[in-house]
Protein backbone atom coordinates (compact mmCIF):
# COMPACT_ATOMS: atom_id res chain seq x y z
CA MET A 1 47.15 13.61 -21.68
CA ALA A 2 44.69 11.42 -23.57
CA ALA A 3 41.29 10.76 -22.01
CA GLU A 4 40.67 7.32 -20.61
CA VAL A 5 38.79 4.92 -22.87
CA VAL A 6 35.72 3.74 -21.00
CA PRO A 7 33.37 0.87 -21.89
CA LEU A 8 30.25 1.54 -23.93
CA SER A 9 27.57 2.80 -21.54
CA GLN A 10 24.20 1.10 -21.65
CA LEU A 11 21.18 2.98 -22.95
CA LYS A 12 18.46 4.10 -20.57
CA LEU A 13 15.05 3.61 -22.12
CA PRO A 14 12.23 6.01 -21.28
CA THR A 15 9.81 4.60 -18.74
CA GLY A 16 6.19 4.27 -19.76
CA PRO A 17 3.18 4.95 -17.55
CA SER A 18 3.38 2.82 -14.42
CA PRO A 19 0.53 0.31 -14.07
CA VAL A 20 0.82 0.75 -10.30
CA SER A 21 0.01 4.15 -8.78
CA ALA A 22 1.81 5.70 -5.84
CA GLU A 23 -1.18 4.95 -3.59
CA GLN A 24 -1.20 1.30 -4.67
CA ARG A 25 2.53 1.03 -4.00
CA TYR A 26 1.97 2.52 -0.54
CA TRP A 27 -0.75 0.06 0.41
CA LYS A 28 1.09 -2.85 -1.19
CA SER A 29 4.00 -2.00 1.12
CA PHE A 30 1.93 -3.45 3.98
CA LYS A 31 3.63 -6.84 3.87
CA ASN A 32 5.22 -9.20 6.37
CA GLN A 33 1.83 -10.67 7.17
CA LYS A 34 1.25 -12.40 10.49
CA SER A 35 -1.96 -14.30 11.25
CA HIS A 36 -3.54 -15.31 14.54
CA THR A 37 -6.55 -17.61 14.88
CA SER A 38 -8.93 -16.96 17.77
CA THR A 39 -9.81 -19.68 20.25
CA ALA A 40 -12.49 -21.98 18.84
CA ALA A 41 -12.30 -19.88 15.64
CA TRP A 42 -14.60 -17.21 17.10
CA PRO A 43 -15.24 -14.41 14.58
CA ILE A 44 -13.09 -11.31 15.09
CA SER A 45 -15.82 -8.76 15.78
CA HIS A 46 -13.80 -5.66 16.73
CA ILE A 47 -10.27 -4.23 16.51
CA SER A 48 -9.30 -0.96 18.20
CA PHE A 49 -6.27 0.95 19.39
CA PRO A 50 -6.11 4.02 21.65
CA ALA A 51 -6.04 7.23 19.64
CA ALA A 52 -4.20 10.17 21.23
CA THR A 53 -6.46 12.62 23.07
CA VAL A 54 -5.96 16.11 24.41
CA ALA A 55 -5.90 14.86 27.99
CA ALA A 56 -3.35 12.16 27.24
CA THR A 57 -0.95 14.41 25.32
CA THR A 58 -1.01 17.20 27.91
CA SER A 59 -0.43 14.93 30.89
CA ASN A 60 2.54 13.04 29.44
CA SER A 61 5.71 13.86 27.56
CA LEU A 62 5.96 12.94 23.88
CA ALA A 63 8.23 10.00 24.63
CA ALA A 64 5.81 8.69 27.25
CA ALA A 65 2.86 9.10 24.90
CA VAL A 66 4.67 7.11 22.21
CA LYS A 67 5.52 4.39 24.72
CA LEU A 68 1.95 4.21 25.98
CA ASN A 69 0.59 3.82 22.46
CA ASP A 70 1.79 0.23 22.14
CA LEU A 71 -1.44 -1.66 22.69
CA PHE A 72 -4.40 -2.61 20.57
CA ALA A 73 -7.41 -4.73 21.47
CA VAL A 74 -9.01 -7.56 19.51
CA THR A 75 -12.49 -8.77 20.51
CA SER A 76 -13.61 -12.28 19.58
CA GLY A 77 -16.20 -14.47 21.25
CA PRO A 78 -16.26 -14.14 25.07
CA ARG A 79 -12.78 -12.59 25.32
CA VAL A 80 -10.65 -9.57 24.48
CA ASP A 81 -6.97 -10.05 23.58
CA ILE A 82 -4.47 -7.24 24.18
CA PHE A 83 -1.75 -7.15 21.50
CA SER A 84 1.55 -5.30 21.31
CA ILE A 85 1.86 -2.94 18.34
CA ARG A 86 5.64 -3.41 18.19
CA LYS A 87 5.71 -7.21 18.55
CA ARG A 88 2.32 -8.06 16.98
CA GLU A 89 1.88 -10.72 19.67
CA PRO A 90 -0.81 -11.04 22.40
CA LEU A 91 0.32 -9.75 25.78
CA LYS A 92 -2.69 -10.72 27.88
CA THR A 93 -6.22 -12.05 27.50
CA ILE A 94 -9.38 -10.84 29.24
CA GLY A 95 -11.87 -13.68 29.52
CA ARG A 96 -14.02 -12.52 32.42
CA PHE A 97 -17.27 -12.29 30.48
CA ASP A 98 -20.50 -14.19 31.00
CA SER A 99 -21.40 -14.11 27.30
CA GLU A 100 -20.04 -12.87 23.99
CA ALA A 101 -18.01 -9.68 24.36
CA HIS A 102 -18.30 -6.58 22.15
CA CYS A 103 -16.20 -3.53 21.30
CA GLY A 104 -13.20 -3.82 23.61
CA GLU A 105 -11.73 -0.28 23.66
CA ILE A 106 -8.47 0.80 25.32
CA ARG A 107 -8.39 4.31 26.78
CA ALA A 108 -5.93 6.82 25.31
CA ASP A 109 -3.53 6.51 28.25
CA GLY A 110 -3.30 2.73 27.68
CA ARG A 111 -4.24 1.90 31.28
CA VAL A 112 -7.88 0.76 31.22
CA LEU A 113 -10.23 -1.02 28.80
CA VAL A 114 -14.01 -1.04 28.55
CA ALA A 115 -16.14 -3.67 26.84
CA GLY A 116 -19.79 -4.65 26.63
CA GLU A 117 -21.36 -8.09 26.30
CA ASP A 118 -24.53 -9.90 25.26
CA SER A 119 -25.83 -10.04 28.84
CA GLY A 120 -26.10 -6.24 28.90
CA LYS A 121 -23.13 -5.78 31.26
CA MET A 122 -20.36 -3.23 30.75
CA GLN A 123 -17.02 -3.80 32.44
CA VAL A 124 -13.91 -1.66 32.87
CA PHE A 125 -10.57 -3.47 33.32
CA ASP A 126 -7.12 -2.38 34.45
CA VAL A 127 -4.76 -3.42 31.62
CA GLY A 128 -1.84 -1.15 32.46
CA GLY A 129 0.09 -3.54 34.69
CA GLY A 130 0.43 -7.20 35.59
CA THR A 131 -0.43 -10.23 33.54
CA ARG A 132 -4.08 -10.37 34.65
CA ALA A 133 -6.70 -7.72 33.98
CA VAL A 134 -8.46 -6.54 37.15
CA ILE A 135 -12.11 -5.48 36.99
CA LEU A 136 -12.38 -1.83 38.07
CA LYS A 137 -16.04 -1.15 37.35
CA THR A 138 -19.19 -3.04 36.33
CA TRP A 139 -22.48 -1.61 35.09
CA HIS A 140 -25.55 -3.70 34.45
CA ILE A 141 -28.06 -1.01 33.47
CA HIS A 142 -28.64 -2.13 29.87
CA LYS A 143 -31.03 -5.08 29.69
CA GLN A 144 -29.99 -6.21 26.22
CA PRO A 145 -26.62 -6.73 24.47
CA VAL A 146 -24.24 -3.75 24.54
CA TRP A 147 -22.59 -3.47 21.11
CA VAL A 148 -20.66 -0.21 21.43
CA THR A 149 -18.44 1.17 24.21
CA LYS A 150 -16.25 4.17 23.37
CA TRP A 151 -14.06 6.51 25.42
CA ALA A 152 -14.58 10.27 25.10
CA PRO A 153 -11.90 12.12 23.10
CA THR A 154 -11.29 14.91 25.66
CA ASP A 155 -12.17 13.36 29.04
CA LEU A 156 -10.50 10.21 30.36
CA THR A 157 -13.41 9.44 32.71
CA GLN A 158 -16.26 9.76 30.21
CA LEU A 159 -17.57 7.08 27.84
CA MET A 160 -20.61 6.12 25.78
CA SER A 161 -22.54 2.93 25.09
CA CYS A 162 -25.03 1.74 22.47
CA SER A 163 -27.32 -1.25 23.01
CA ASP A 164 -29.99 -3.45 21.49
CA ASP A 165 -32.37 -1.83 24.00
CA LYS A 166 -32.52 1.05 21.44
CA THR A 167 -30.74 3.54 23.71
CA VAL A 168 -27.48 5.48 23.66
CA ARG A 169 -26.03 6.34 27.08
CA LEU A 170 -23.32 8.65 28.38
CA TRP A 171 -21.34 7.58 31.45
CA ASP A 172 -18.90 8.98 34.02
CA LEU A 173 -16.42 6.41 35.28
CA PRO A 174 -16.85 7.17 39.02
CA SER A 175 -20.66 7.14 38.77
CA HIS A 176 -22.94 4.09 39.11
CA ASN A 177 -25.61 5.43 36.73
CA PRO A 178 -25.47 7.02 33.27
CA SER A 179 -25.19 10.78 33.20
CA ARG A 180 -27.44 10.98 30.15
CA MET A 181 -29.67 8.59 28.18
CA PHE A 182 -30.65 9.29 24.58
CA THR A 183 -33.78 7.70 23.14
CA GLY A 184 -35.27 7.92 19.68
CA HIS A 185 -34.10 4.84 17.79
CA SER A 186 -36.77 2.23 17.07
CA ASP A 187 -34.45 -0.75 16.57
CA TYR A 188 -31.09 -2.16 17.68
CA VAL A 189 -28.28 0.42 17.99
CA ARG A 190 -25.17 -1.38 16.71
CA SER A 191 -22.73 1.49 16.03
CA GLY A 192 -21.73 4.78 17.59
CA ALA A 193 -18.88 7.23 18.19
CA PHE A 194 -17.95 10.57 19.73
CA MET A 195 -17.38 13.46 17.36
CA PRO A 196 -13.68 14.42 17.26
CA GLY A 197 -12.55 16.86 19.93
CA ASN A 198 -16.00 17.07 21.55
CA SER A 199 -17.20 14.82 24.37
CA ASN A 200 -20.71 16.30 24.27
CA VAL A 201 -21.63 15.39 20.69
CA LEU A 202 -22.28 11.73 19.85
CA VAL A 203 -23.43 9.92 16.73
CA SER A 204 -25.17 6.54 16.52
CA GLY A 205 -26.33 4.17 13.80
CA SER A 206 -29.25 1.78 14.16
CA TYR A 207 -30.98 -1.08 12.42
CA ASP A 208 -33.95 1.29 12.08
CA GLU A 209 -31.92 2.63 9.10
CA THR A 210 -31.18 5.99 10.69
CA VAL A 211 -28.06 7.85 11.79
CA ARG A 212 -28.70 10.23 14.67
CA VAL A 213 -26.54 12.99 16.11
CA TRP A 214 -26.95 13.73 19.82
CA ASP A 215 -25.80 16.71 21.90
CA ALA A 216 -25.52 16.19 25.66
CA ARG A 217 -25.99 19.94 26.20
CA ALA A 218 -29.32 20.01 24.34
CA PRO A 219 -32.49 18.66 25.95
CA GLY A 220 -34.78 16.29 24.12
CA GLY A 221 -33.97 13.97 21.25
CA SER A 222 -31.43 13.93 18.45
CA VAL A 223 -30.32 17.18 16.85
CA LEU A 224 -29.91 15.60 13.39
CA THR A 225 -31.34 12.47 11.77
CA PHE A 226 -30.36 10.88 8.44
CA LYS A 227 -32.60 8.18 6.99
CA HIS A 228 -31.02 5.40 4.89
CA ALA A 229 -32.31 2.47 2.84
CA ASP A 230 -30.61 -0.27 4.89
CA PRO A 231 -29.59 -0.93 8.52
CA ILE A 232 -26.53 1.01 9.70
CA GLU A 233 -23.54 -1.24 10.43
CA ASP A 234 -20.90 1.35 11.32
CA VAL A 235 -20.41 5.12 11.62
CA LEU A 236 -17.12 7.01 11.33
CA PRO A 237 -16.67 10.76 11.98
CA LEU A 238 -13.85 12.42 10.04
CA PRO A 239 -11.24 14.49 11.94
CA SER A 240 -12.72 17.75 10.64
CA GLY A 241 -15.76 17.19 12.86
CA THR A 242 -18.10 18.30 10.08
CA THR A 243 -18.33 15.13 7.98
CA LEU A 244 -19.61 11.70 8.93
CA LEU A 245 -19.51 8.35 7.13
CA ALA A 246 -22.19 5.71 7.58
CA ALA A 247 -22.06 2.11 6.31
CA SER A 248 -25.57 1.13 5.19
CA GLY A 249 -25.96 -2.13 3.34
CA SER A 250 -23.40 -2.31 0.52
CA ALA A 251 -23.07 1.49 0.37
CA ILE A 252 -21.22 4.15 2.35
CA SER A 253 -22.89 7.53 2.69
CA VAL A 254 -20.92 10.75 3.20
CA LEU A 255 -22.93 13.14 5.37
CA ASP A 256 -22.31 16.87 5.85
CA LEU A 257 -23.29 17.79 9.41
CA VAL A 258 -23.01 21.57 8.85
CA ALA A 259 -25.23 21.66 5.77
CA ALA A 260 -27.33 18.77 7.19
CA LYS A 261 -27.38 16.92 3.89
CA PRO A 262 -25.76 13.87 2.22
CA LEU A 263 -22.77 14.65 0.01
CA ARG A 264 -22.13 11.35 -1.74
CA LEU A 265 -23.11 7.68 -1.83
CA ILE A 266 -20.16 5.29 -2.35
CA THR A 267 -21.18 1.96 -3.89
CA ASN A 268 -17.91 0.12 -4.52
CA HIS A 269 -18.68 -2.93 -2.35
CA GLN A 270 -20.83 -5.80 -3.59
CA LYS A 271 -22.05 -6.96 -0.16
CA THR A 272 -22.71 -5.39 3.22
CA VAL A 273 -20.04 -2.98 4.47
CA THR A 274 -19.32 -3.98 8.06
CA THR A 275 -16.47 -1.75 9.22
CA LEU A 276 -14.79 1.62 8.58
CA SER A 277 -11.44 2.99 9.71
CA LEU A 278 -9.35 6.14 9.29
CA ALA A 279 -5.81 5.99 7.88
CA SER A 280 -2.95 8.34 6.96
CA ASN A 281 -3.88 10.84 9.71
CA GLY A 282 -7.45 11.10 8.46
CA ARG A 283 -6.61 11.61 4.78
CA ARG A 284 -7.77 8.10 3.82
CA VAL A 285 -10.71 5.91 4.79
CA VAL A 286 -10.50 2.11 4.72
CA SER A 287 -13.61 -0.08 4.49
CA GLY A 288 -14.22 -3.80 4.79
CA GLY A 289 -17.24 -5.89 3.89
CA LEU A 290 -18.80 -9.31 3.70
CA ASP A 291 -17.50 -9.59 0.13
CA GLY A 292 -14.02 -10.04 1.63
CA HIS A 293 -12.73 -6.83 0.05
CA VAL A 294 -10.78 -4.05 1.75
CA LYS A 295 -11.00 -0.75 -0.12
CA VAL A 296 -9.08 2.48 0.45
CA PHE A 297 -10.72 5.84 -0.41
CA GLU A 298 -9.21 9.30 -0.67
CA THR A 299 -11.32 11.87 1.15
CA THR A 300 -11.40 14.56 -1.55
CA GLY A 301 -13.29 12.93 -4.41
CA TRP A 302 -13.98 9.63 -2.60
CA ASN A 303 -12.32 7.55 -5.29
CA VAL A 304 -10.91 4.09 -4.62
CA VAL A 305 -7.10 4.37 -4.60
CA SER A 306 -6.28 0.80 -3.58
CA GLY A 307 -7.82 -2.47 -2.48
CA SER A 308 -7.17 -6.08 -1.54
CA LYS A 309 -9.10 -9.33 -1.24
CA TYR A 310 -9.25 -11.59 1.82
CA PRO A 311 -10.38 -15.24 1.90
CA SER A 312 -13.27 -14.72 4.34
CA PRO A 313 -15.97 -12.12 5.07
CA ILE A 314 -14.51 -9.16 6.97
CA LEU A 315 -16.16 -8.12 10.22
CA SER A 316 -13.60 -5.62 11.56
CA LEU A 317 -10.49 -3.76 10.55
CA SER A 318 -8.23 -1.01 11.84
CA VAL A 319 -5.25 0.87 10.43
CA ILE A 320 -3.01 1.02 13.49
CA SER A 321 -0.66 3.99 13.71
CA ALA A 322 2.36 4.38 15.94
CA GLY A 323 5.32 6.63 16.61
CA ALA A 324 5.63 10.35 17.24
CA THR A 325 4.20 11.20 13.81
CA GLN A 326 1.40 8.61 14.04
CA GLU A 327 2.42 6.88 10.80
CA ASP A 328 0.40 3.93 9.55
CA ARG A 329 2.12 0.84 10.93
CA HIS A 330 -0.27 -2.14 10.64
CA LEU A 331 -3.37 -3.06 8.65
CA ALA A 332 -5.24 -5.38 11.01
CA VAL A 333 -8.22 -7.26 9.54
CA GLY A 334 -10.58 -9.53 11.49
CA MET A 335 -12.56 -12.16 9.60
CA GLN A 336 -15.63 -14.33 10.08
CA SER A 337 -13.37 -17.41 10.01
CA GLY A 338 -11.69 -16.31 13.25
CA VAL A 339 -8.44 -15.27 11.57
CA LEU A 340 -6.75 -12.00 12.51
CA SER A 341 -4.48 -10.82 9.69
CA ILE A 342 -1.84 -8.20 10.51
CA ARG A 343 0.10 -6.69 7.61
CA THR A 344 2.97 -4.39 8.55
CA ARG A 345 4.49 -1.48 6.69
CA LEU A 346 8.22 -1.24 7.27
CA SER A 347 9.76 2.15 8.01
CA GLY A 348 13.15 3.68 8.76
CA SER A 349 16.18 1.40 8.58
CA MET A 350 14.00 -1.69 8.13
CA ALA A 351 12.42 -0.17 5.02
CA GLU A 352 15.85 0.79 3.67
CA LYS A 353 17.09 -2.78 4.11
CA ALA A 354 13.96 -4.13 2.40
CA ARG A 355 14.49 -1.77 -0.56
CA ALA A 356 18.12 -2.88 -0.82
CA ARG A 357 17.05 -6.54 -0.85
CA ALA A 358 14.42 -5.83 -3.52
CA ALA A 359 16.98 -3.97 -5.68
CA GLU A 360 19.42 -6.86 -5.37
CA GLU A 361 16.76 -9.42 -6.31
CA ALA A 362 15.72 -7.32 -9.32
CA ALA A 363 19.34 -6.99 -10.43
CA ARG A 364 19.85 -10.75 -10.13
CA ASP A 365 16.73 -11.36 -12.22
CA ILE A 366 18.00 -9.02 -14.96
CA GLY A 367 21.61 -10.15 -14.67
CA GLY A 368 24.38 -8.77 -16.85
CA ASP A 369 25.29 -5.11 -16.40
CA ALA A 370 22.61 -4.47 -13.76
CA LEU A 371 24.24 -6.96 -11.39
CA ASP A 372 27.68 -5.49 -12.08
CA LYS A 373 26.44 -1.99 -11.33
CA LEU A 374 24.87 -3.16 -8.08
CA ASP A 375 28.13 -4.80 -7.03
CA GLN A 376 30.03 -1.62 -7.87
CA GLN A 377 27.62 0.47 -5.76
CA LYS A 378 28.02 -1.87 -2.81
CA THR A 379 31.82 -1.76 -3.18
CA ARG A 380 31.78 2.06 -3.28
CA LYS A 381 29.63 2.23 -0.15
CA LYS A 382 31.99 -0.11 1.69
CA LYS A 383 35.05 1.88 0.68
CA LYS A 384 33.40 5.15 1.67
CA ALA A 385 32.45 3.74 5.06
CA VAL A 386 36.01 2.51 5.65
CA SER A 387 37.50 5.84 4.58
CA ASN A 388 35.14 7.85 6.80
CA LYS A 389 35.89 5.57 9.74
CA THR A 390 39.64 5.98 9.18
CA MET A 391 39.41 9.78 9.01
CA ALA A 392 37.18 9.87 12.08
CA THR A 393 39.86 8.06 14.07
CA LEU A 394 42.25 10.85 13.07
CA GLY A 395 39.86 13.41 14.50
CA GLU A 396 38.60 14.67 11.14
CA ASN A 397 34.96 14.23 10.18
CA VAL A 398 34.56 14.45 6.42
CA ASP A 399 31.75 13.77 4.00
CA PHE A 400 33.76 12.72 0.95
CA ILE A 401 37.26 11.40 0.25
CA ILE A 402 38.67 12.65 -3.06
CA PRO A 403 41.05 10.01 -4.50
CA THR A 404 44.12 10.86 -6.56
CA GLU A 405 44.26 9.89 -10.22
CA ALA A 406 46.56 6.94 -9.57
CA THR A 407 44.86 5.49 -6.50
CA ASN A 408 41.42 4.29 -5.55
CA LEU A 409 39.53 5.07 -2.32
CA SER A 410 41.37 2.44 -0.31
CA GLY A 411 44.77 3.84 -1.31
CA GLY A 412 45.87 0.95 -3.55
CA ARG A 413 46.62 0.86 -7.24
CA LYS A 414 43.80 1.74 -9.57
CA ARG A 415 41.87 -1.35 -10.54
CA LYS A 416 41.69 -2.06 -14.24
CA ILE A 417 38.18 -2.30 -15.61
CA LYS A 418 37.37 -5.83 -16.68
CA LEU A 419 35.63 -5.90 -20.05
CA LYS A 420 33.13 -8.46 -21.23
CA PRO A 421 33.86 -10.37 -24.46
CA TRP A 422 31.44 -8.31 -26.53
CA GLN A 423 32.92 -5.07 -25.13
CA ARG A 424 36.43 -6.16 -26.16
CA ASP A 425 35.22 -7.14 -29.63
CA PHE A 426 33.39 -3.82 -30.02
CA ARG A 427 36.40 -1.77 -28.84
CA GLU A 428 38.72 -3.61 -31.25
CA GLY A 429 36.40 -3.18 -34.23
CA ARG A 430 35.04 -6.75 -34.46
CA TYR A 431 31.49 -5.46 -34.78
CA ALA A 432 29.89 -8.61 -36.20
CA ALA A 433 31.26 -10.76 -33.35
CA ALA A 434 30.11 -8.23 -30.73
CA LEU A 435 26.63 -8.14 -32.28
CA ASP A 436 26.37 -11.94 -32.35
CA GLU A 437 27.23 -12.15 -28.62
CA VAL A 438 24.57 -9.65 -27.48
CA MET A 439 21.89 -11.06 -29.83
CA ASP A 440 22.00 -14.56 -28.36
CA MET A 441 18.71 -14.62 -26.44
CA SER A 442 19.52 -18.05 -24.95
CA ALA A 443 22.74 -16.82 -23.28
CA PRO A 444 22.70 -16.53 -19.45
CA GLY A 445 23.68 -12.84 -19.42
CA TYR A 446 21.39 -11.77 -22.28
CA HIS A 447 19.55 -8.48 -21.90
CA GLN A 448 17.57 -6.76 -24.65
CA VAL A 449 18.77 -3.28 -23.66
CA THR A 450 22.40 -4.36 -24.13
CA ALA A 451 21.58 -5.51 -27.68
CA LEU A 452 19.83 -2.20 -28.37
CA THR A 453 22.84 -0.30 -27.00
CA VAL A 454 25.19 -2.07 -29.42
CA LEU A 455 22.90 -1.48 -32.40
CA VAL A 456 22.56 2.24 -31.61
CA ALA A 457 26.34 2.54 -31.15
CA LEU A 458 26.88 0.84 -34.54
CA LYS A 459 24.49 3.34 -36.17
CA HIS A 460 26.40 6.24 -34.63
CA ARG A 461 29.68 4.81 -35.97
CA SER A 462 28.12 4.17 -39.42
CA ALA A 463 29.11 0.53 -38.91
CA LEU A 464 25.67 -1.11 -38.80
CA ARG A 465 25.76 -2.38 -42.38
CA GLU A 466 29.32 -3.61 -41.89
CA ALA A 467 28.19 -5.68 -38.86
CA LEU A 468 25.27 -7.16 -40.82
CA GLU A 469 27.07 -8.09 -44.03
CA GLY A 470 28.85 -11.34 -44.88
CA ARG A 471 26.60 -13.62 -42.83
CA ASP A 472 25.19 -17.06 -43.46
CA GLU A 473 21.69 -18.33 -42.69
CA VAL A 474 22.65 -19.44 -39.14
CA THR A 475 23.85 -15.98 -38.10
CA VAL A 476 21.12 -14.00 -39.88
CA LEU A 477 18.16 -15.80 -38.28
CA PRO A 478 18.87 -14.59 -34.68
CA LEU A 479 18.89 -11.01 -35.95
CA LEU A 480 15.54 -11.49 -37.71
CA ARG A 481 14.01 -13.09 -34.60
CA TRP A 482 15.22 -10.23 -32.41
CA VAL A 483 13.84 -7.59 -34.78
CA GLY A 484 10.51 -9.44 -35.04
CA LYS A 485 10.22 -9.64 -31.27
CA TYR A 486 10.87 -5.97 -30.45
CA ILE A 487 9.70 -4.05 -33.53
CA SER A 488 6.26 -3.49 -31.96
CA ASP A 489 7.82 -1.74 -28.92
CA PRO A 490 7.92 2.05 -29.59
CA ARG A 491 11.23 2.34 -27.71
CA TYR A 492 12.90 -0.16 -30.08
CA ALA A 493 10.93 0.52 -33.28
CA SER A 494 13.29 3.04 -34.91
CA THR A 495 16.38 0.88 -34.53
CA CYS A 496 14.49 -2.30 -35.51
CA VAL A 497 13.24 -0.66 -38.71
CA ASP A 498 16.79 0.35 -39.69
CA VAL A 499 18.07 -3.17 -39.08
CA ALA A 500 15.13 -4.71 -40.97
CA PHE A 501 15.76 -2.50 -44.04
CA HIS A 502 19.43 -3.49 -44.10
CA LEU A 503 18.58 -7.20 -43.76
CA LEU A 504 16.00 -6.98 -46.57
CA ASP A 505 18.45 -5.15 -48.81
CA ILE A 506 21.31 -7.59 -48.16
CA TYR A 507 19.55 -10.97 -47.81
CA GLY A 508 16.15 -10.52 -49.47
CA GLU A 509 17.38 -12.13 -52.68
CA TYR A 510 18.31 -15.36 -50.84
CA THR A 511 14.79 -16.14 -49.53
CA GLY A 512 14.13 -18.44 -52.50
CA GLY A 513 16.93 -20.77 -51.43
CA SER A 514 16.08 -20.90 -47.70
CA ALA A 515 12.59 -21.76 -46.43
CA GLU A 516 13.40 -20.71 -42.85
CA LEU A 517 14.78 -17.36 -43.96
CA ALA A 518 11.66 -16.76 -46.06
CA GLN A 519 9.44 -17.70 -43.10
CA GLN A 520 11.18 -15.23 -40.79
CA PHE A 521 10.85 -12.41 -43.33
CA HIS A 522 7.17 -13.30 -43.81
CA MET A 523 6.54 -13.27 -40.03
CA LEU A 524 8.26 -9.88 -39.79
CA TRP A 525 6.06 -8.57 -42.61
CA GLY A 526 2.93 -9.87 -40.82
CA LYS A 527 3.89 -8.17 -37.55
CA VAL A 528 4.57 -4.86 -39.29
CA ALA A 529 1.23 -5.12 -41.12
CA LYS A 530 -0.60 -5.58 -37.81
CA GLU A 531 1.15 -2.55 -36.30
CA VAL A 532 0.24 -0.45 -39.35
CA GLU A 533 -3.39 -1.57 -39.02
CA LYS A 534 -3.41 -0.58 -35.34
CA ALA A 535 -1.94 2.82 -36.18
CA GLN A 536 -4.58 3.43 -38.86
CA LEU A 537 -7.35 2.42 -36.45
CA ALA A 538 -5.94 4.78 -33.83
CA VAL A 539 -6.01 7.66 -36.35
CA VAL A 540 -9.63 6.90 -37.27
CA THR A 541 -10.64 6.66 -33.60
CA GLY A 542 -8.86 9.92 -32.84
CA GLY A 543 -10.77 11.65 -35.63
CA MET A 544 -14.10 10.33 -34.30
CA VAL A 545 -13.31 11.54 -30.79
CA ASP A 546 -12.32 14.98 -32.11
CA SER A 547 -15.58 15.29 -34.03
CA LEU A 548 -17.58 14.32 -30.94
CA LEU A 549 -15.74 16.91 -28.83
CA ILE A 550 -16.35 19.60 -31.45
CA GLY A 551 -20.05 18.66 -31.64
CA SER A 552 -20.47 18.76 -27.85
CA SER A 553 -18.83 22.19 -27.58
CA GLU A 554 -21.18 23.82 -30.09
């Protein structure tokens, strides 16, 4: 039995180096932006969400832990707004502050929140139930603004505070007084954190340009001190517990706590770096600054892997994770203008639907065969789903339905493949007509790869010259324009050169009688001359580089 005659398959060109890296694609996938403006356009000074702790994960099941991790806090002016991670909408607002609030932090179990304020007060609120937040505890020991309040990573009743009174304090929730006070800074203390997995070791950054590490088990002052050139705006311990980042001026310093020395100074921002955040389970660090830039760093060589620009100076940011695997879900950025920007990365079925929509839009932009292939894929998926559903009703679960030769998946007669005009002309040997149809760059279904496919097929059939002969000026000019447009593309160059030689051989003698034909040949010559010049320059440059490499190795 003779094999079925199928339409000419389209060529697949090799893909060049992608201008967008995998990391950039990942961070560009944070889309679906939603913005909230704070009341009276107060600057968004802090964004936080409860990270999982040992105490939280051991006291609750995995499902409960995932459910609890649905809140994040946004501090602006004299209030703290509690947002839902799933809905990206505010659930409740805490406005029971006498002055500007700072560093609203939700505990890992999602039940209570602590925040400081300019008056020196620290307050703990019940945010786990009801529409109003109830004050559970108030401390008024600090006499100046409290800028940092953080929960301990291993103890749900322990927390720390940093204040403009130059002190760092450790607190127990049931107690009325701090369990430990650390002194040693000579200026405002505006940043601080617990070291991961250890509620006894704290780190703080001050406007006295120092980063200090404190140990609650050791008497006296700090156990480590790092001096910088500018005030410290933020500190961020890495999950390893041995490395610390400090934002000082427009630079970020990477500090090794084991070797007690700086490892690297990152200077990618142009203005003061105000905020740091972990991402991708600690494998990436995200920074924001007064230059309005957000930059993403990998933690091996500390290179910038992605970045974005915002319209206002950035005061706070947080990469909010969610789910059992703690995947990055939102990139929340707080700005001086009072705007909270939340960009969401889709996952699961939502991401699959978004990819399908993007593929359909790309196919519609290309048109032609790409759109036909997409329609065929959708039809096959529908038929497969119907077939699987039918077999499931018969009590048989199958993965694939194998059709007979005479029927399609739905059991009907085999559908005849509908050919396009150029495909019919090509199959029936009308090569010149087929070539004219695919070379028309003004046609709605034009695609350059289709034209290349036909030219390559004509070469393989030794019919290229036959398709090019016997033409007049009107039908030759589109071929010359096409060759002139794509001859500089390495993927098209070989075929374009063959076509150009044939055209010169057949129609070169007629250039004296046609000014437009002569102009097109002259333009083609000029383009080839430029490409030759570039190639010669590349060879010379390559030789110079080789000589430099040889000289440096000796």
